[in-house]
Amino acid sequence: MNRTEFVESAVADQLKPKDAFPEFSVGDTIDVHYLIVEGEKERLQIFQGVLIGVKGRGVNRTITVRRIVANEGVERIFPMHSPRLAKIEIVRHGDARRAKLYFLRERIGKARRLRDRRRGLKWINEG
């Protein structure tokens, strides 16, 4: 057994099952339910935004979600296999032709919207 196989077998029990999250892709607007620990209290915080990037593989897989708060862009990076990541819900499917939507960082106003994957709707709002 080489080093890569050994590491993959060691972290296999830390991976979440494939059906733990719905099928989503870059451009989708998603709700990320994340467990926040404040002292001895725990609560779920929902972060809604556009998925602008997926990175890594295996236990190192992360997603980058961007939303606008008070006309300021806020991005968070969530590890997919973290025990604090409770749930991901898809709000709407966006139509993207790129693997990473970093160009949304420079856009403001209506130019920030993505087309909906269902062709009936012309445009969607980022969040």
C-alpha atoms as a PDB file:
ATOM      1  CA  MET A   1       0.000   0.000   0.000  1.00  0.00           C
ATOM      2  CA  ASN A   2       1.536   3.291  -1.068  1.00  0.00           C
ATOM      3  CA  ARG A   3       1.258   6.561   0.826  1.00  0.00           C
ATOM      4  CA  THR A   4      -1.748   7.905  -1.137  1.00  0.00           C
ATOM      5  CA  GLU A   5      -3.806   4.755  -0.589  1.00  0.00           C
ATOM      6  CA  PHE A   6      -2.938   4.787   3.108  1.00  0.00           C
ATOM      7  CA  VAL A   7      -4.071   8.402   3.543  1.00  0.00           C
ATOM      8  CA  GLU A   8      -7.282   7.802   1.577  1.00  0.00           C
ATOM      9  CA  SER A   9      -8.145   4.773   3.692  1.00  0.00           C
ATOM     10  CA  ALA A  10      -7.436   6.715   6.903  1.00  0.00           C
ATOM     11  CA  VAL A  11      -9.828   9.562   6.014  1.00  0.00           C
ATOM     12  CA  ALA A  12     -12.519   7.382   4.395  1.00  0.00           C
ATOM     13  CA  ASP A  13     -14.541   7.271   7.637  1.00  0.00           C
ATOM     14  CA  GLN A  14     -14.551  11.097   7.823  1.00  0.00           C
ATOM     15  CA  LEU A  15     -16.195  11.494   4.407  1.00  0.00           C
ATOM     16  CA  LYS A  16     -19.915  12.162   4.263  1.00  0.00           C
ATOM     17  CA  PRO A  17     -21.951   9.823   2.037  1.00  0.00           C
ATOM     18  CA  LYS A  18     -22.615  10.908  -1.542  1.00  0.00           C
ATOM     19  CA  ASP A  19     -26.351  11.270  -0.909  1.00  0.00           C
ATOM     20  CA  ALA A  20     -25.803  13.637   2.055  1.00  0.00           C
ATOM     21  CA  PHE A  21     -26.189  16.687  -0.222  1.00  0.00           C
ATOM     22  CA  PRO A  22     -28.389  17.358  -3.245  1.00  0.00           C
ATOM     23  CA  GLU A  23     -26.916  17.586  -6.724  1.00  0.00           C
ATOM     24  CA  PHE A  24     -25.781  21.200  -7.255  1.00  0.00           C
ATOM     25  CA  SER A  25     -23.426  23.001  -9.599  1.00  0.00           C
ATOM     26  CA  VAL A  26     -21.692  26.346  -9.968  1.00  0.00           C
ATOM     27  CA  GLY A  27     -24.167  29.187 -10.490  1.00  0.00           C
ATOM     28  CA  ASP A  28     -26.857  27.745  -8.227  1.00  0.00           C
ATOM     29  CA  THR A  29     -28.253  29.819  -5.372  1.00  0.00           C
ATOM     30  CA  ILE A  30     -27.997  27.682  -2.244  1.00  0.00           C
ATOM     31  CA  ASP A  31     -28.772  27.823   1.471  1.00  0.00           C
ATOM     32  CA  VAL A  32     -25.897  26.501   3.584  1.00  0.00           C
ATOM     33  CA  HIS A  33     -26.926  25.485   7.115  1.00  0.00           C
ATOM     34  CA  TYR A  34     -23.795  25.794   9.250  1.00  0.00           C
ATOM     35  CA  LEU A  35     -23.455  24.974  12.949  1.00  0.00           C
ATOM     36  CA  ILE A  36     -22.198  27.950  14.970  1.00  0.00           C
ATOM     37  CA  VAL A  37     -20.785  27.309  18.450  1.00  0.00           C
ATOM     38  CA  GLU A  38     -20.920  30.249  20.880  1.00  0.00           C
ATOM     39  CA  GLY A  39     -19.584  29.203  24.254  1.00  0.00           C
ATOM     40  CA  GLU A  40     -21.755  26.269  25.294  1.00  0.00           C
ATOM     41  CA  LYS A  41     -24.623  27.129  22.938  1.00  0.00           C
ATOM     42  CA  GLU A  42     -25.003  25.770  19.427  1.00  0.00           C
ATOM     43  CA  ARG A  43     -27.217  27.150  16.674  1.00  0.00           C
ATOM     44  CA  LEU A  44     -27.692  26.771  12.945  1.00  0.00           C
ATOM     45  CA  GLN A  45     -26.882  29.765  10.786  1.00  0.00           C
ATOM     46  CA  ILE A  46     -28.158  29.905   7.204  1.00  0.00           C
ATOM     47  CA  PHE A  47     -25.901  31.494   4.601  1.00  0.00           C
ATOM     48  CA  GLN A  48     -27.710  32.030   1.292  1.00  0.00           C
ATOM     49  CA  GLY A  49     -25.755  32.966  -1.813  1.00  0.00           C
ATOM     50  CA  VAL A  50     -24.529  31.993  -5.247  1.00  0.00           C
ATOM     51  CA  LEU A  51     -22.113  29.082  -5.520  1.00  0.00           C
ATOM     52  CA  ILE A  52     -19.132  30.567  -7.359  1.00  0.00           C
ATOM     53  CA  GLY A  53     -16.607  27.750  -7.049  1.00  0.00           C
ATOM     54  CA  VAL A  54     -15.991  24.135  -6.072  1.00  0.00           C
ATOM     55  CA  LYS A  55     -12.447  23.105  -5.212  1.00  0.00           C
ATOM     56  CA  GLY A  56     -10.520  20.030  -4.110  1.00  0.00           C
ATOM     57  CA  ARG A  57     -11.463  16.389  -3.823  1.00  0.00           C
ATOM     58  CA  GLY A  58     -12.145  13.929  -1.071  1.00  0.00           C
ATOM     59  CA  VAL A  59     -11.965  15.321   2.441  1.00  0.00           C
ATOM     60  CA  ASN A  60     -10.416  18.567   1.131  1.00  0.00           C
ATOM     61  CA  ARG A  61     -13.437  19.486  -1.050  1.00  0.00           C
ATOM     62  CA  THR A  62     -14.642  23.060  -0.436  1.00  0.00           C
ATOM     63  CA  ILE A  63     -17.339  25.305  -1.877  1.00  0.00           C
ATOM     64  CA  THR A  64     -17.218  29.092  -2.141  1.00  0.00           C
ATOM     65  CA  VAL A  65     -20.530  30.915  -1.682  1.00  0.00           C
ATOM     66  CA  ARG A  66     -20.982  34.640  -2.371  1.00  0.00           C
ATOM     67  CA  ARG A  67     -23.772  36.955  -1.311  1.00  0.00           C
ATOM     68  CA  ILE A  68     -24.383  40.686  -1.083  1.00  0.00           C
ATOM     69  CA  VAL A  69     -24.951  42.300   2.321  1.00  0.00           C
ATOM     70  CA  ALA A  70     -25.544  46.072   2.485  1.00  0.00           C
ATOM     71  CA  ASN A  71     -24.080  46.538  -1.038  1.00  0.00           C
ATOM     72  CA  GLU A  72     -20.904  44.740   0.024  1.00  0.00           C
ATOM     73  CA  GLY A  73     -19.886  41.332  -1.314  1.00  0.00           C
ATOM     74  CA  VAL A  74     -19.343  38.619   1.299  1.00  0.00           C
ATOM     75  CA  GLU A  75     -17.774  35.259   0.443  1.00  0.00           C
ATOM     76  CA  ARG A  76     -17.481  32.218   2.674  1.00  0.00           C
ATOM     77  CA  ILE A  77     -15.622  29.008   2.034  1.00  0.00           C
ATOM     78  CA  PHE A  78     -17.253  25.882   3.460  1.00  0.00           C
ATOM     79  CA  PRO A  79     -15.498  22.502   3.792  1.00  0.00           C
ATOM     80  CA  MET A  80     -17.946  19.930   2.389  1.00  0.00           C
ATOM     81  CA  HIS A  81     -17.077  17.144   4.816  1.00  0.00           C
ATOM     82  CA  SER A  82     -16.994  19.273   7.966  1.00  0.00           C
ATOM     83  CA  PRO A  83     -19.138  17.983  10.825  1.00  0.00           C
ATOM     84  CA  ARG A  84     -20.409  21.560  11.268  1.00  0.00           C
ATOM     85  CA  LEU A  85     -21.966  21.613   7.800  1.00  0.00           C
ATOM     86  CA  ALA A  86     -25.499  20.451   8.560  1.00  0.00           C
ATOM     87  CA  LYS A  87     -27.407  20.787   5.302  1.00  0.00           C
ATOM     88  CA  ILE A  88     -27.393  22.369   1.841  1.00  0.00           C
ATOM     89  CA  GLU A  89     -30.622  23.369   0.128  1.00  0.00           C
ATOM     90  CA  ILE A  90     -30.944  24.525  -3.464  1.00  0.00           C
ATOM     91  CA  VAL A  91     -33.010  27.709  -3.850  1.00  0.00           C
ATOM     92  CA  ARG A  92     -32.693  28.012  -7.643  1.00  0.00           C
ATOM     93  CA  HIS A  93     -30.559  26.614 -10.423  1.00  0.00           C
ATOM     94  CA  GLY A  94     -28.452  29.176 -12.279  1.00  0.00           C
ATOM     95  CA  ASP A  95     -27.113  28.783 -15.793  1.00  0.00           C
ATOM     96  CA  ALA A  96     -23.304  29.115 -15.846  1.00  0.00           C
ATOM     97  CA  ARG A  97     -20.829  28.353 -18.618  1.00  0.00           C
ATOM     98  CA  ARG A  98     -17.760  28.611 -16.404  1.00  0.00           C
ATOM     99  CA  ALA A  99     -16.328  26.398 -13.677  1.00  0.00           C
ATOM    100  CA  LYS A 100     -15.555  29.405 -11.463  1.00  0.00           C
ATOM    101  CA  LEU A 101     -17.695  32.536 -11.395  1.00  0.00           C
ATOM    102  CA  TYR A 102     -15.075  34.935 -10.062  1.00  0.00           C
ATOM    103  CA  PHE A 103     -16.157  37.548 -12.620  1.00  0.00           C
ATOM    104  CA  LEU A 104     -19.204  38.247 -10.411  1.00  0.00           C
ATOM    105  CA  ARG A 105     -16.867  40.003  -7.958  1.00  0.00           C
ATOM    106  CA  GLU A 106     -16.441  42.970 -10.296  1.00  0.00           C
ATOM    107  CA  ARG A 107     -20.086  43.244 -11.294  1.00  0.00           C
ATOM    108  CA  ILE A 108     -22.600  45.517  -9.590  1.00  0.00           C
ATOM    109  CA  GLY A 109     -26.342  46.001  -9.833  1.00  0.00           C
ATOM    110  CA  LYS A 110     -28.345  44.112 -12.423  1.00  0.00           C
ATOM    111  CA  ALA A 111     -25.206  42.846 -14.165  1.00  0.00           C
ATOM    112  CA  ARG A 112     -24.717  40.562 -11.156  1.00  0.00           C
ATOM    113  CA  ARG A 113     -27.729  38.409 -12.063  1.00  0.00           C
ATOM    114  CA  LEU A 114     -27.438  34.988 -13.657  1.00  0.00           C
ATOM    115  CA  ARG A 115     -29.885  33.402 -16.067  1.00  0.00           C
ATOM    116  CA  ASP A 116     -32.050  30.632 -14.641  1.00  0.00           C
ATOM    117  CA  ARG A 117     -31.469  27.111 -15.940  1.00  0.00           C
ATOM    118  CA  ARG A 118     -35.199  26.695 -16.528  1.00  0.00           C
ATOM    119  CA  ARG A 119     -35.657  28.685 -19.718  1.00  0.00           C
ATOM    120  CA  GLY A 120     -39.030  30.092 -18.613  1.00  0.00           C
ATOM    121  CA  LEU A 121     -37.360  32.591 -16.288  1.00  0.00           C
ATOM    122  CA  LYS A 122     -35.081  35.156 -17.918  1.00  0.00           C
ATOM    123  CA  TRP A 123     -32.989  36.396 -14.984  1.00  0.00           C
ATOM    124  CA  ILE A 124     -32.508  35.663 -11.314  1.00  0.00           C
ATOM    125  CA  ASN A 125     -31.185  37.818  -8.517  1.00  0.00           C
ATOM    126  CA  GLU A 126     -27.933  36.845  -6.790  1.00  0.00           C
ATOM    127  CA  GLY A 127     -29.158  37.200  -3.262  1.00  0.00           C
END
